[in-house]
Amino acid sequence: MNFKEYVSLACQQLPALEGLQNCQNLDQALRFLESIGIAVINMDLLSQDEFTLDLIFPISKSSRCLVLAAS
């Protein structure tokens, strides 16, 4: 699966994420998430290995999180 396919699946649960498909880099993604009300300041960072990081964003008023992987 590619990024746009993953975002499409996530949009089934949170339709506001649709614009994430247009983001070309992490900076754009973070700005987009802020624009739809996901508090980037509450993000947790999890190191998977020396090349991969998981960015975990709690979704307010929900027990769910959005996870983006960056490498």
C-alpha atoms as a PDB file:
ATOM      1  CA  MET A   1       0.000   0.000   0.000  1.00  0.00           C
ATOM      2  CA  ASN A   2       1.148   3.507  -0.679  1.00  0.00           C
ATOM      3  CA  PHE A   3       0.602   6.635   1.432  1.00  0.00           C
ATOM      4  CA  LYS A   4      -2.517   7.778  -0.435  1.00  0.00           C
ATOM      5  CA  GLU A   5      -4.141   4.357   0.018  1.00  0.00           C
ATOM      6  CA  TYR A   6      -3.451   4.447   3.767  1.00  0.00           C
ATOM      7  CA  VAL A   7      -4.908   7.954   4.003  1.00  0.00           C
ATOM      8  CA  SER A   8      -7.963   6.796   2.069  1.00  0.00           C
ATOM      9  CA  LEU A   9      -8.535   4.062   4.656  1.00  0.00           C
ATOM     10  CA  ALA A  10      -8.071   6.514   7.522  1.00  0.00           C
ATOM     11  CA  CYS A  11     -10.609   8.853   5.903  1.00  0.00           C
ATOM     12  CA  GLN A  12     -13.277   6.213   6.434  1.00  0.00           C
ATOM     13  CA  GLN A  13     -12.935   6.845  10.177  1.00  0.00           C
ATOM     14  CA  LEU A  14     -11.997  10.538  10.075  1.00  0.00           C
ATOM     15  CA  PRO A  15     -13.058  12.205   6.784  1.00  0.00           C
ATOM     16  CA  ALA A  16     -11.185  15.420   7.666  1.00  0.00           C
ATOM     17  CA  LEU A  17      -7.912  13.615   6.889  1.00  0.00           C
ATOM     18  CA  GLU A  18      -8.604  13.620   3.144  1.00  0.00           C
ATOM     19  CA  GLY A  19      -6.358  16.643   2.551  1.00  0.00           C
ATOM     20  CA  LEU A  20      -3.416  14.736   4.017  1.00  0.00           C
ATOM     21  CA  GLN A  21      -3.110  12.987   0.638  1.00  0.00           C
ATOM     22  CA  ASN A  22      -1.835  16.226  -0.886  1.00  0.00           C
ATOM     23  CA  CYS A  23       1.032  16.683   1.580  1.00  0.00           C
ATOM     24  CA  GLN A  24       4.461  16.173   0.035  1.00  0.00           C
ATOM     25  CA  ASN A  25       6.588  16.300   3.191  1.00  0.00           C
ATOM     26  CA  LEU A  26       6.399  16.148   6.972  1.00  0.00           C
ATOM     27  CA  ASP A  27       6.198  19.925   7.387  1.00  0.00           C
ATOM     28  CA  GLN A  28       3.116  20.090   5.169  1.00  0.00           C
ATOM     29  CA  ALA A  29       1.555  17.145   7.019  1.00  0.00           C
ATOM     30  CA  LEU A  30       2.094  18.771  10.426  1.00  0.00           C
ATOM     31  CA  ARG A  31       0.619  22.071   9.214  1.00  0.00           C
ATOM     32  CA  PHE A  32      -2.356  20.258   7.737  1.00  0.00           C
ATOM     33  CA  LEU A  33      -3.021  18.324  10.948  1.00  0.00           C
ATOM     34  CA  GLU A  34      -2.946  21.572  12.929  1.00  0.00           C
ATOM     35  CA  SER A  35      -5.408  23.112  10.466  1.00  0.00           C
ATOM     36  CA  ILE A  36      -7.982  20.365  11.139  1.00  0.00           C
ATOM     37  CA  GLY A  37      -7.611  20.579  14.910  1.00  0.00           C
ATOM     38  CA  ILE A  38      -5.167  17.766  15.686  1.00  0.00           C
ATOM     39  CA  ALA A  39      -2.796  19.224  18.265  1.00  0.00           C
ATOM     40  CA  VAL A  40       0.708  18.579  16.981  1.00  0.00           C
ATOM     41  CA  ILE A  41       2.052  19.804  20.322  1.00  0.00           C
ATOM     42  CA  ASN A  42       0.619  16.640  21.932  1.00  0.00           C
ATOM     43  CA  MET A  43       2.480  14.377  19.514  1.00  0.00           C
ATOM     44  CA  ASP A  44       4.573  11.483  20.834  1.00  0.00           C
ATOM     45  CA  LEU A  45       7.647  10.341  18.960  1.00  0.00           C
ATOM     46  CA  LEU A  46       8.612   6.682  18.929  1.00  0.00           C
ATOM     47  CA  SER A  47      11.897   5.531  17.428  1.00  0.00           C
ATOM     48  CA  GLN A  48      11.571   2.208  15.602  1.00  0.00           C
ATOM     49  CA  ASP A  49      15.198   1.981  14.503  1.00  0.00           C
ATOM     50  CA  GLU A  50      17.950   4.331  13.377  1.00  0.00           C
ATOM     51  CA  PHE A  51      15.996   5.253  10.222  1.00  0.00           C
ATOM     52  CA  THR A  52      12.304   5.129  11.139  1.00  0.00           C
ATOM     53  CA  LEU A  53      10.212   7.215  13.529  1.00  0.00           C
ATOM     54  CA  ASP A  54       6.537   6.891  14.366  1.00  0.00           C
ATOM     55  CA  LEU A  55       4.717  10.145  15.057  1.00  0.00           C
ATOM     56  CA  ILE A  56       1.671   9.528  17.241  1.00  0.00           C
ATOM     57  CA  PHE A  57      -1.063  12.168  17.388  1.00  0.00           C
ATOM     58  CA  PRO A  58      -3.923  11.764  19.874  1.00  0.00           C
ATOM     59  CA  ILE A  59      -7.252  12.686  18.345  1.00  0.00           C
ATOM     60  CA  SER A  60      -9.179  14.879  20.771  1.00  0.00           C
ATOM     61  CA  LYS A  61     -12.505  13.651  22.132  1.00  0.00           C
ATOM     62  CA  SER A  62     -11.551  10.121  21.101  1.00  0.00           C
ATOM     63  CA  SER A  63      -9.486   7.231  22.362  1.00  0.00           C
ATOM     64  CA  ARG A  64      -7.952   6.920  18.899  1.00  0.00           C
ATOM     65  CA  CYS A  65      -4.606   8.113  17.612  1.00  0.00           C
ATOM     66  CA  LEU A  66      -3.245   8.931  14.192  1.00  0.00           C
ATOM     67  CA  VAL A  67       0.179   7.431  13.515  1.00  0.00           C
ATOM     68  CA  LEU A  68       2.488   8.624  10.747  1.00  0.00           C
ATOM     69  CA  ALA A  69       5.737   6.824  10.015  1.00  0.00           C
ATOM     70  CA  ALA A  70       8.709   8.851   8.855  1.00  0.00           C
ATOM     71  CA  SER A  71      11.963   7.487   7.513  1.00  0.00           C
END
